[in-house]
Structures are given as C-alpha cells and as structure tokens.
Amino acid sequence: MSSIRMKQNTPHTAPQNKRLASQRIDPACLMRIKSLELRAKSVVEGTWKGLHRSPYHGFSVEFTEYREYTPGDDPRHIDWKLAARSNQHFIKRFEEETNLCCHMLLDLSTSMQFHSLGYSKSDYAKTLVATFAYFLSTQRDASGLIIFDEQVESVVPARFTRGQLRRILIELERPPQGSHTNVVSPLKHAVETIKKRGLVVLISDLMSPLDELNTHLGYLRAKGHEVALFQILDPAEIHLNFNETAIFEDLETGDRIALNPKAAQASYRQQLNQHLDEIQTICRKQGVHYHKLTTDTPLEAGLSDFLADRAA
C-alpha cells in the first residue's frame, strides 16, 4: 500500500520568524498570570495563531494525507477530484489514523523548586506542559500527563476529549510531594503502558545521575515512539554568578556546603558542561529531540525550535 502527501508550505519563512519574535512574551510577565490555562492560551493564541493549521505531522486535524484505494474500502471516502486529475483512486485518511497522541512526563522533584528569577523551574515547566496541552487540544490531538519525582505520582491517560485539558490543568495545580529525581520510573511506566505509537515528551532539569537514561530512552525509541527531551534550567545554575561566599543546600538531599562561588565557578562549569554534553550525546545516539531551556527564555522560542525540529 502506498501513500502520498499533499504538497506542504515551508514551515518557517523569514517574515513569519520576524513576526513570531516580535510576539514573544517575557517569561517574567507570563508568570504573573495566575491561571495556567490563561498563560497557555496567551502563548498559543498570541504567537502561534498563524500556525494553527500547520503542516506539522500530528499537530493538525486537517492532515492532508492519502492512501491508495484497496478493495474493501468504502468508496464514499475516495477523493474523486484527485481521481479525475490523476486517474488513480486514493482514500483520505481519517483523523483518528493521523492525529498525534502525546504523553508528557513532568519532573516535579524538589530540585525543580529552585529559582533566581521570582518563579521556579517547576512554574516554568508547568507552563510549558499547559501550553503543549492547550495547543494539542486546539489541534484535536490527544494529550496525557505523567507527573513524577522519585516515583510516578500521578497519571492522566492520553485522550482527546472535551474535558482532557481541564484534567491536565488540575493535576498541574497540585503541589509537589516528593523529593528526589528519578527519571527511570516514568520512562519505565511509559514503555510498559503506552501502546499506541506517538510522541513522548520528557520535561526535567535532569539534575540526577544519567546511569539508565540511555537504556530507557532506547526502549521508547525501539517501540516506535518519537521522543523529545526538554531540560529546564535556571540561569543561575548555569553561570553560578553569585558574589559572596554562602551556604549552598542540595534541595533533594539536604546536604549543605560552604562555597565561594567565584573560586568554584570554573570547576562547576566544567562539571556542568560535562553533564550536559553527556545528555546531548545520549539524545543524539537515540534519535531524541533535545532542547535546553533556561527559565528566562520565552516559551515561544523553545517551542518554535521544537516544531521546526520535528518538521525537518
């Protein structure tokens, strides 16, 4: 069975990029909006309005894909106009066959509570998830949510229903309960429970050992899932630009250490870069989309890059 795909517009043009850049919202302003749904709506409708009926696979209800007619297909679904032009018979695929099923795995461990900008990494990550869920709902794609810390804390199975966005937003509003980060638990859960191939999005600061990350991302890819990893970091975590000696506390273990940031900056950056390089190497090896977002990055920028990455 063969299939053809209608000619699609170029995803990003220069004028479009300029328009998107001018419409990006400062995260500090965005986080002042109390309602998660309103934050998500602001990002999606304020910036992606022109992309609503986009050519991105699985992000559009009007996915213009056809497959060749075979005996047994309902002839009512033949595109007769296309048949007249091509002298061949094709069936337009149903929405249910082509719509995306997206599972979002959100880290709400204690380290995600860190902040230097007036809002935490978890605030930023929750807004990212809400934005994804809102956008997917407008495109009639299915979305689900798995919240984890050292274990899986809650699961909203992926669906496209009228109340699905509300269910996800309610889960996001719940305060975090756990402490440590363990990305293996949600990845194992995803491998074991997600039956339909789709998109799996892992959102975490990944401030944890990477021992089994490669293996479990590989299991997801082997099951045919497209996988994206969003690493959320606070700018202060990258630059360690504190001026005075202070007591630094590990939010997950409670361990404390007195540190002169300026003296430790070079060594800290070297170890952090090594950690980030290792994550990116794993993602490249497994064919995972990797996106690092600091919490001062407009959400539209990261998500636009992600959509462009998928369309490439």
Protein backbone atom coordinates (compact mmCIF):
# COMPACT_ATOMS: atom_id res chain seq x y z
CA MET A 1 0.00 0.00 0.00
CA SER A 2 1.40 3.33 -0.96
CA SER A 3 0.57 6.77 0.27
CA ILE A 4 1.10 10.27 -0.97
CA ARG A 5 1.17 13.52 0.89
CA MET A 6 -0.08 16.80 -0.48
CA LYS A 7 2.50 19.49 -1.12
CA GLN A 8 3.03 21.43 2.08
CA ASN A 9 4.08 25.00 2.67
CA THR A 10 7.53 25.77 4.01
CA PRO A 11 7.15 25.68 7.82
CA HIS A 12 9.08 28.84 8.56
CA THR A 13 9.65 31.86 6.40
CA ALA A 14 11.71 34.88 7.29
CA PRO A 15 8.72 37.26 7.69
CA GLN A 16 6.97 34.68 9.82
CA ASN A 17 10.02 34.34 12.10
CA LYS A 18 10.18 38.12 12.49
CA ARG A 19 6.51 38.22 13.42
CA LEU A 20 6.96 35.40 15.94
CA ALA A 21 9.97 37.11 17.52
CA SER A 22 8.03 40.33 17.98
CA GLN A 23 5.20 38.47 19.72
CA ARG A 24 7.26 36.54 22.27
CA ILE A 25 6.22 37.09 25.85
CA ASP A 26 8.74 37.79 28.61
CA PRO A 27 8.53 34.77 30.96
CA ALA A 28 8.55 37.10 33.99
CA CYS A 29 5.39 38.78 32.66
CA LEU A 30 3.84 35.45 31.75
CA MET A 31 4.38 34.01 35.23
CA ARG A 32 2.48 36.91 36.80
CA ILE A 33 -0.67 35.45 35.27
CA LYS A 34 -2.12 33.19 37.95
CA SER A 35 -4.17 30.95 35.71
CA LEU A 36 -2.16 28.23 33.99
CA GLU A 37 -4.79 27.99 31.28
CA LEU A 38 -4.58 31.70 30.58
CA ARG A 39 -0.78 31.52 30.41
CA ALA A 40 -1.02 28.69 27.90
CA LYS A 41 -3.67 30.49 25.91
CA SER A 42 -1.53 33.63 25.81
CA VAL A 43 1.41 31.75 24.35
CA VAL A 44 -0.58 29.68 21.87
CA GLU A 45 -3.05 32.23 20.62
CA GLY A 46 -0.74 35.21 20.86
CA THR A 47 2.08 33.66 18.93
CA TRP A 48 1.04 30.57 17.08
CA LYS A 49 -2.19 31.87 15.64
CA GLY A 50 -0.71 31.86 12.18
CA LEU A 51 0.49 28.31 12.63
CA HIS A 52 -2.89 26.90 13.70
CA ARG A 53 -3.45 24.92 10.58
CA SER A 54 0.15 23.93 10.40
CA PRO A 55 1.78 21.26 8.28
CA TYR A 56 3.45 19.68 11.31
CA HIS A 57 2.73 15.99 11.43
CA GLY A 58 0.23 15.10 14.08
CA PHE A 59 -0.40 18.72 15.00
CA SER A 60 -3.21 19.32 12.57
CA VAL A 61 -6.69 17.89 12.30
CA GLU A 62 -6.69 18.60 8.57
CA PHE A 63 -3.78 16.35 7.88
CA THR A 64 -3.76 16.06 4.10
CA GLU A 65 -2.56 12.52 3.62
CA TYR A 66 -3.96 9.91 1.29
CA ARG A 67 -3.51 6.22 0.82
CA GLU A 68 -4.18 4.11 -2.22
CA TYR A 69 -7.66 2.64 -2.52
CA THR A 70 -7.85 -1.09 -1.94
CA PRO A 71 -10.83 -3.43 -2.37
CA GLY A 72 -12.97 -3.32 0.77
CA ASP A 73 -12.52 0.40 1.39
CA ASP A 74 -15.68 2.45 1.48
CA PRO A 75 -15.89 4.11 -1.96
CA ARG A 76 -17.57 7.12 -0.32
CA HIS A 77 -14.13 8.09 1.02
CA ILE A 78 -12.46 8.19 -2.39
CA ASP A 79 -11.29 11.67 -3.36
CA TRP A 80 -12.99 11.84 -6.75
CA LYS A 81 -11.46 15.21 -7.64
CA LEU A 82 -7.99 13.77 -7.14
CA ALA A 83 -9.04 10.69 -9.11
CA ALA A 84 -10.12 12.88 -12.02
CA ARG A 85 -6.75 14.62 -12.08
CA SER A 86 -4.51 11.62 -11.50
CA ASN A 87 -6.59 8.76 -12.90
CA GLN A 88 -5.86 6.95 -9.64
CA HIS A 89 -8.05 6.31 -6.63
CA PHE A 90 -6.95 7.45 -3.18
CA ILE A 91 -8.65 7.43 0.19
CA LYS A 92 -8.25 10.41 2.51
CA ARG A 93 -7.07 9.09 5.83
CA PHE A 94 -9.29 9.61 8.83
CA GLU A 95 -8.36 12.00 11.61
CA GLU A 96 -8.16 9.11 14.06
CA GLU A 97 -5.50 7.49 11.90
CA THR A 98 -3.25 10.50 11.74
CA ASN A 99 -3.78 12.60 14.88
CA LEU A 100 -0.98 12.70 17.37
CA CYS A 101 -1.02 11.02 20.75
CA CYS A 102 1.34 12.92 23.05
CA HIS A 103 2.40 11.85 26.54
CA MET A 104 4.16 14.46 28.69
CA LEU A 105 6.41 13.27 31.53
CA LEU A 106 6.88 16.09 34.04
CA ASP A 107 9.52 16.17 36.78
CA LEU A 108 8.23 17.89 39.94
CA SER A 109 11.03 16.82 42.28
CA THR A 110 12.38 19.27 44.84
CA SER A 111 15.23 20.47 42.65
CA MET A 112 12.62 21.86 40.27
CA GLN A 113 11.65 24.33 43.00
CA PHE A 114 14.93 26.24 42.56
CA HIS A 115 14.59 29.79 41.34
CA SER A 116 16.57 33.01 40.99
CA LEU A 117 14.04 34.97 38.95
CA GLY A 118 10.95 35.06 41.16
CA TYR A 119 9.46 31.88 39.73
CA SER A 120 10.76 28.34 39.83
CA LYS A 121 11.78 25.81 37.24
CA SER A 122 8.60 23.89 38.08
CA ASP A 123 6.47 27.02 37.40
CA TYR A 124 8.15 27.31 34.01
CA ALA A 125 7.85 23.58 33.29
CA LYS A 126 4.17 23.50 34.28
CA THR A 127 3.51 26.40 31.92
CA LEU A 128 5.31 24.52 29.17
CA VAL A 129 3.14 21.44 29.76
CA ALA A 130 -0.05 23.54 29.91
CA THR A 131 0.93 25.25 26.66
CA PHE A 132 1.52 21.91 24.97
CA ALA A 133 -1.80 20.56 26.25
CA TYR A 134 -3.68 23.67 25.17
CA PHE A 135 -2.10 23.65 21.73
CA LEU A 136 -2.77 19.93 21.26
CA SER A 137 -6.41 20.41 22.28
CA THR A 138 -6.87 23.13 19.64
CA GLN A 139 -5.50 20.71 17.06
CA ARG A 140 -7.73 17.87 18.29
CA ASP A 141 -4.68 15.78 19.19
CA ALA A 142 -4.64 13.55 22.26
CA SER A 143 -2.53 14.51 25.25
CA GLY A 144 -1.69 12.83 28.55
CA LEU A 145 0.43 13.61 31.58
CA ILE A 146 2.69 11.64 33.91
CA ILE A 147 3.98 13.55 36.95
CA PHE A 148 6.98 12.11 38.76
CA ASP A 149 9.69 12.77 41.32
CA GLU A 150 11.45 9.71 42.77
CA GLN A 151 8.43 7.73 41.55
CA VAL A 152 5.38 8.18 39.36
CA GLU A 153 2.98 10.36 41.35
CA SER A 154 0.01 10.75 39.04
CA VAL A 155 -1.12 9.76 35.57
CA VAL A 156 -3.65 11.33 33.22
CA PRO A 157 -4.07 8.87 30.33
CA ALA A 158 -3.76 10.41 26.88
CA ARG A 159 -7.11 11.25 25.32
CA PHE A 160 -8.75 13.77 23.12
CA THR A 161 -11.96 14.62 24.94
CA ARG A 162 -13.73 17.82 25.88
CA GLY A 163 -12.50 17.74 29.50
CA GLN A 164 -8.96 16.48 28.92
CA LEU A 165 -7.27 19.88 29.09
CA ARG A 166 -9.07 20.61 32.37
CA ARG A 167 -7.92 17.27 33.85
CA ILE A 168 -4.31 18.04 32.97
CA LEU A 169 -4.51 21.56 34.40
CA ILE A 170 -5.95 20.24 37.68
CA GLU A 171 -3.03 17.81 38.02
CA LEU A 172 -0.57 20.61 37.33
CA GLU A 173 -2.06 22.73 40.12
CA ARG A 174 -1.36 20.09 42.78
CA PRO A 175 1.64 20.85 45.00
CA PRO A 176 4.65 18.52 44.62
CA GLN A 177 5.01 15.80 47.25
CA GLY A 178 8.34 14.08 46.69
CA SER A 179 11.98 15.00 46.88
CA HIS A 180 14.47 13.18 44.65
CA THR A 181 14.55 12.93 40.87
CA ASN A 182 14.32 9.52 39.25
CA VAL A 183 13.70 9.71 35.50
CA VAL A 184 13.80 5.93 35.16
CA SER A 185 10.40 5.38 36.84
CA PRO A 186 8.35 7.47 34.39
CA LEU A 187 10.27 6.14 31.40
CA LYS A 188 9.64 2.55 32.53
CA HIS A 189 5.99 3.39 33.07
CA ALA A 190 5.77 4.90 29.59
CA VAL A 191 7.41 1.86 27.97
CA GLU A 192 5.04 -0.53 29.75
CA THR A 193 1.75 1.34 29.39
CA ILE A 194 1.80 3.38 26.17
CA LYS A 195 0.54 1.04 23.49
CA LYS A 196 -0.09 3.41 20.60
CA ARG A 197 2.95 4.92 18.93
CA GLY A 198 3.17 8.65 19.43
CA LEU A 199 5.19 11.48 20.90
CA VAL A 200 6.70 11.22 24.39
CA VAL A 201 7.97 14.48 25.90
CA LEU A 202 10.22 14.33 28.98
CA ILE A 203 10.47 17.61 30.90
CA SER A 204 13.05 17.75 33.70
CA ASP A 205 16.12 19.59 34.93
CA LEU A 206 17.92 16.23 34.76
CA MET A 207 19.92 17.12 37.84
CA SER A 208 20.34 13.45 38.58
CA PRO A 209 22.60 10.54 37.62
CA LEU A 210 22.27 9.51 33.98
CA ASP A 211 23.08 5.85 34.54
CA GLU A 212 19.96 4.36 32.92
CA LEU A 213 18.73 7.28 30.81
CA ASN A 214 20.27 5.93 27.61
CA THR A 215 18.75 2.47 28.10
CA HIS A 216 15.20 3.62 28.77
CA LEU A 217 15.14 6.26 26.06
CA GLY A 218 16.31 3.46 23.77
CA TYR A 219 13.38 1.27 24.86
CA LEU A 220 10.93 4.04 23.97
CA ARG A 221 12.55 4.56 20.58
CA ALA A 222 12.56 0.82 19.93
CA LYS A 223 8.78 0.80 20.44
CA GLY A 224 8.48 3.36 17.67
CA HIS A 225 7.81 6.45 19.78
CA GLU A 226 9.11 9.85 18.82
CA VAL A 227 10.81 11.26 21.91
CA ALA A 228 11.66 14.82 22.92
CA LEU A 229 13.57 15.92 25.98
CA PHE A 230 13.21 19.44 27.40
CA GLN A 231 15.86 20.22 30.00
CA ILE A 232 14.77 23.15 32.17
CA LEU A 233 17.50 25.10 33.95
CA ASP A 234 17.65 28.33 35.91
CA PRO A 235 20.24 30.83 34.55
CA ALA A 236 21.95 30.89 37.96
CA GLU A 237 22.55 27.14 37.70
CA ILE A 238 24.49 27.65 34.50
CA HIS A 239 26.55 30.69 35.42
CA LEU A 240 26.89 30.32 39.21
CA ASN A 241 27.18 34.10 39.25
CA PHE A 242 26.82 34.68 42.99
CA ASN A 243 29.10 37.27 44.55
CA GLU A 244 29.66 36.15 48.12
CA THR A 245 30.60 33.01 49.98
CA ALA A 246 27.43 31.30 51.10
CA ILE A 247 25.96 28.04 52.31
CA PHE A 248 24.58 26.11 49.34
CA GLU A 249 22.00 23.41 50.02
CA ASP A 250 21.11 20.46 47.80
CA LEU A 251 17.31 20.74 47.60
CA GLU A 252 16.89 16.99 47.15
CA THR A 253 19.36 15.59 49.71
CA GLY A 254 19.51 18.47 52.17
CA ASP A 255 23.33 18.34 52.10
CA ARG A 256 24.96 21.72 52.77
CA ILE A 257 28.33 23.10 51.78
CA ALA A 258 30.04 26.45 52.29
CA LEU A 259 31.26 27.71 48.93
CA ASN A 260 32.99 30.69 47.42
CA PRO A 261 31.19 30.86 44.05
CA LYS A 262 33.94 32.77 42.28
CA ALA A 263 36.58 30.25 43.34
CA ALA A 264 34.41 27.30 42.38
CA GLN A 265 33.00 28.75 39.15
CA ALA A 266 35.47 27.22 36.71
CA SER A 267 35.29 23.73 38.17
CA TYR A 268 31.49 23.93 38.47
CA ARG A 269 31.05 24.97 34.84
CA GLN A 270 33.37 22.21 33.66
CA GLN A 271 31.37 19.56 35.51
CA LEU A 272 28.05 21.03 34.39
CA ASN A 273 29.15 21.17 30.75
CA GLN A 274 30.32 17.56 31.00
CA HIS A 275 26.90 16.59 32.36
CA LEU A 276 25.09 18.49 29.59
CA ASP A 277 27.36 17.04 26.91
CA GLU A 278 26.59 13.54 28.17
CA ILE A 279 22.84 14.20 27.94
CA GLN A 280 23.14 15.54 24.40
CA THR A 281 25.28 12.57 23.36
CA ILE A 282 22.64 10.17 24.65
CA CYS A 283 19.91 12.07 22.80
CA ARG A 284 21.84 12.07 19.53
CA LYS A 285 22.54 8.35 19.90
CA GLN A 286 18.88 7.54 20.49
CA GLY A 287 17.42 9.98 17.97
CA VAL A 288 15.77 12.08 20.68
CA HIS A 289 14.97 15.77 20.12
CA TYR A 290 16.94 17.66 22.80
CA HIS A 291 16.02 21.19 23.86
CA LYS A 292 17.65 23.08 26.71
CA LEU A 293 15.55 25.92 28.04
CA THR A 294 16.59 28.36 30.72
CA THR A 295 13.73 29.90 32.62
CA ASP A 296 14.41 33.35 31.15
CA THR A 297 13.77 32.01 27.62
CA PRO A 298 10.40 32.94 26.09
CA LEU A 299 8.43 29.73 25.77
CA GLU A 300 7.60 30.52 22.17
CA ALA A 301 11.26 30.40 21.19
CA GLY A 302 11.85 26.90 22.54
CA LEU A 303 8.61 25.55 21.17
CA SER A 304 9.13 27.09 17.76
CA ASP A 305 12.53 25.42 17.61
CA PHE A 306 10.92 22.15 18.60
CA LEU A 307 8.27 22.38 15.88
CA ALA A 308 10.91 23.26 13.32
CA ASP A 309 12.99 20.30 14.53
CA ARG A 310 10.03 17.95 14.03
CA ALA A 311 9.27 19.31 10.60
CA ALA A 312 12.88 18.98 9.42
